[in-house]
């Protein structure tokens, strides 16, 4: 089995402007995604919705100097808004199931994790 990070970028300001009903529809897609993963033999190991990038702390090093600033690392409309960590032996099927989460506003990135995950406890 391989661990994959399913990275969910999004326009945070657009998300905040959605109605409760529109946000609920998005959460329903996530529930459908989770159920489909389980039914098809994939396992969610973890994941989370992230707070708005304005709450981030960014740490940068330049030589011996370390700078900490408020806000995201990259100034961009789309920021990482959430993620899933999924264990699977079928990347192609994981891609198919992940299509449930796709919408017209952005893409989803799936990356294999290095290592076997045994360092986590």
Protein backbone atom coordinates (compact mmCIF):
# COMPACT_ATOMS: atom_id res chain seq x y z
CA UNK A 1 0.00 0.00 0.00
CA UNK A 2 1.13 3.52 -0.77
CA UNK A 3 0.18 6.69 1.08
CA UNK A 4 -1.03 9.61 -1.01
CA UNK A 5 -1.68 13.22 -0.10
CA UNK A 6 -4.80 14.55 -1.79
CA UNK A 7 -4.20 18.32 -1.82
CA UNK A 8 -7.19 20.62 -2.08
CA UNK A 9 -6.39 24.16 -3.21
CA UNK A 10 -9.07 26.79 -3.26
CA UNK A 11 -9.99 30.45 -3.36
CA UNK A 12 -10.49 31.12 0.34
CA UNK A 13 -12.32 34.42 -0.16
CA UNK A 14 -14.75 32.78 -2.59
CA UNK A 15 -15.36 30.01 -0.02
CA UNK A 16 -16.13 32.56 2.70
CA UNK A 17 -18.64 34.28 0.42
CA UNK A 18 -20.67 31.10 -0.22
CA UNK A 19 -24.04 30.70 1.45
CA UNK A 20 -24.51 28.08 4.15
CA UNK A 21 -26.41 25.94 1.63
CA UNK A 22 -23.55 26.14 -0.89
CA UNK A 23 -21.00 25.23 1.78
CA UNK A 24 -23.23 22.35 2.92
CA UNK A 25 -23.31 21.03 -0.66
CA UNK A 26 -19.51 21.01 -0.69
CA UNK A 27 -19.37 19.17 2.63
CA UNK A 28 -21.85 16.62 1.23
CA UNK A 29 -19.43 15.94 -1.66
CA UNK A 30 -16.70 15.28 0.93
CA UNK A 31 -18.96 12.80 2.71
CA UNK A 32 -19.68 11.09 -0.63
CA UNK A 33 -15.91 11.02 -1.34
CA UNK A 34 -15.14 9.43 2.05
CA UNK A 35 -17.84 6.80 1.60
CA UNK A 36 -16.68 5.96 -1.93
CA UNK A 37 -13.08 5.57 -0.76
CA UNK A 38 -14.11 3.12 1.93
CA UNK A 39 -16.37 1.14 -0.43
CA UNK A 40 -13.57 0.79 -2.98
CA UNK A 41 -10.86 -0.34 -0.55
CA UNK A 42 -8.98 2.91 0.03
CA UNK A 43 -8.33 4.06 3.59
CA UNK A 44 -8.32 7.64 4.88
CA UNK A 45 -5.45 7.96 7.34
CA UNK A 46 -6.00 11.64 8.11
CA UNK A 47 -6.89 15.01 6.75
CA UNK A 48 -8.26 18.39 7.67
CA UNK A 49 -9.79 21.60 6.44
CA UNK A 50 -7.22 24.31 6.98
CA UNK A 51 -7.85 27.77 8.41
CA UNK A 52 -7.62 30.76 6.07
CA UNK A 53 -4.05 31.44 4.92
CA UNK A 54 -4.20 34.88 6.58
CA UNK A 55 -3.73 32.97 9.87
CA UNK A 56 -0.51 31.32 8.66
CA UNK A 57 2.94 32.01 10.03
CA UNK A 58 5.69 31.79 7.43
CA UNK A 59 9.29 31.06 8.44
CA UNK A 60 12.10 31.85 6.01
CA UNK A 61 15.83 31.41 6.43
CA UNK A 62 18.48 33.36 4.61
CA UNK A 63 21.91 32.36 5.82
CA UNK A 64 21.88 32.76 9.60
CA UNK A 65 18.88 35.09 9.53
CA UNK A 66 15.41 33.64 10.23
CA UNK A 67 12.35 35.77 9.55
CA UNK A 68 8.83 34.99 10.73
CA UNK A 69 5.94 36.80 9.04
CA UNK A 70 2.18 36.65 9.24
CA UNK A 71 0.38 35.33 6.17
CA UNK A 72 0.93 32.67 3.54
CA UNK A 73 4.23 31.76 1.90
CA UNK A 74 2.90 32.55 -1.56
CA UNK A 75 0.75 35.55 -2.40
CA UNK A 76 -1.86 33.89 -4.59
CA UNK A 77 -5.62 33.67 -4.93
CA UNK A 78 -5.55 29.90 -4.48
CA UNK A 79 -4.07 28.51 -1.29
CA UNK A 80 -4.00 25.01 0.17
CA UNK A 81 -7.41 24.82 1.87
CA UNK A 82 -7.37 21.21 3.00
CA UNK A 83 -5.97 17.74 2.46
CA UNK A 84 -6.58 14.03 2.86
CA UNK A 85 -3.95 11.39 3.56
CA UNK A 86 -5.13 8.22 1.83
CA UNK A 87 -3.65 4.72 1.77
CA UNK A 88 -4.27 2.91 -1.50
CA UNK A 89 -2.88 0.23 -3.76
CA UNK A 90 -4.70 1.60 -6.82
CA UNK A 91 -3.75 5.14 -7.83
CA UNK A 92 -5.93 5.06 -10.93
CA UNK A 93 -9.01 4.24 -8.87
CA UNK A 94 -8.06 6.87 -6.28
CA UNK A 95 -7.98 9.42 -9.10
CA UNK A 96 -11.45 8.27 -10.24
CA UNK A 97 -12.90 8.62 -6.74
CA UNK A 98 -11.25 12.01 -6.23
CA UNK A 99 -13.19 13.35 -9.21
CA UNK A 100 -16.15 13.54 -6.80
CA UNK A 101 -14.43 16.53 -5.16
CA UNK A 102 -13.54 18.37 -8.35
CA UNK A 103 -15.44 21.49 -9.30
CA UNK A 104 -15.17 24.26 -11.87
CA UNK A 105 -13.10 26.45 -9.56
CA UNK A 106 -9.87 24.51 -9.33
CA UNK A 107 -7.85 21.35 -9.54
CA UNK A 108 -6.87 18.73 -7.04
CA UNK A 109 -3.36 17.37 -6.70
CA UNK A 110 -2.51 13.82 -5.64
CA UNK A 111 1.05 13.04 -4.59
CA UNK A 112 2.63 9.87 -3.28
CA UNK A 113 4.25 10.26 0.13
CA UNK A 114 7.85 9.18 0.52
CA UNK A 115 8.70 6.53 3.07
CA UNK A 116 6.39 3.89 4.47
CA UNK A 117 4.77 6.04 7.15
CA UNK A 118 6.21 3.88 9.96
CA UNK A 119 7.74 6.95 11.61
CA UNK A 120 4.23 8.14 12.57
CA UNK A 121 2.81 6.91 15.82
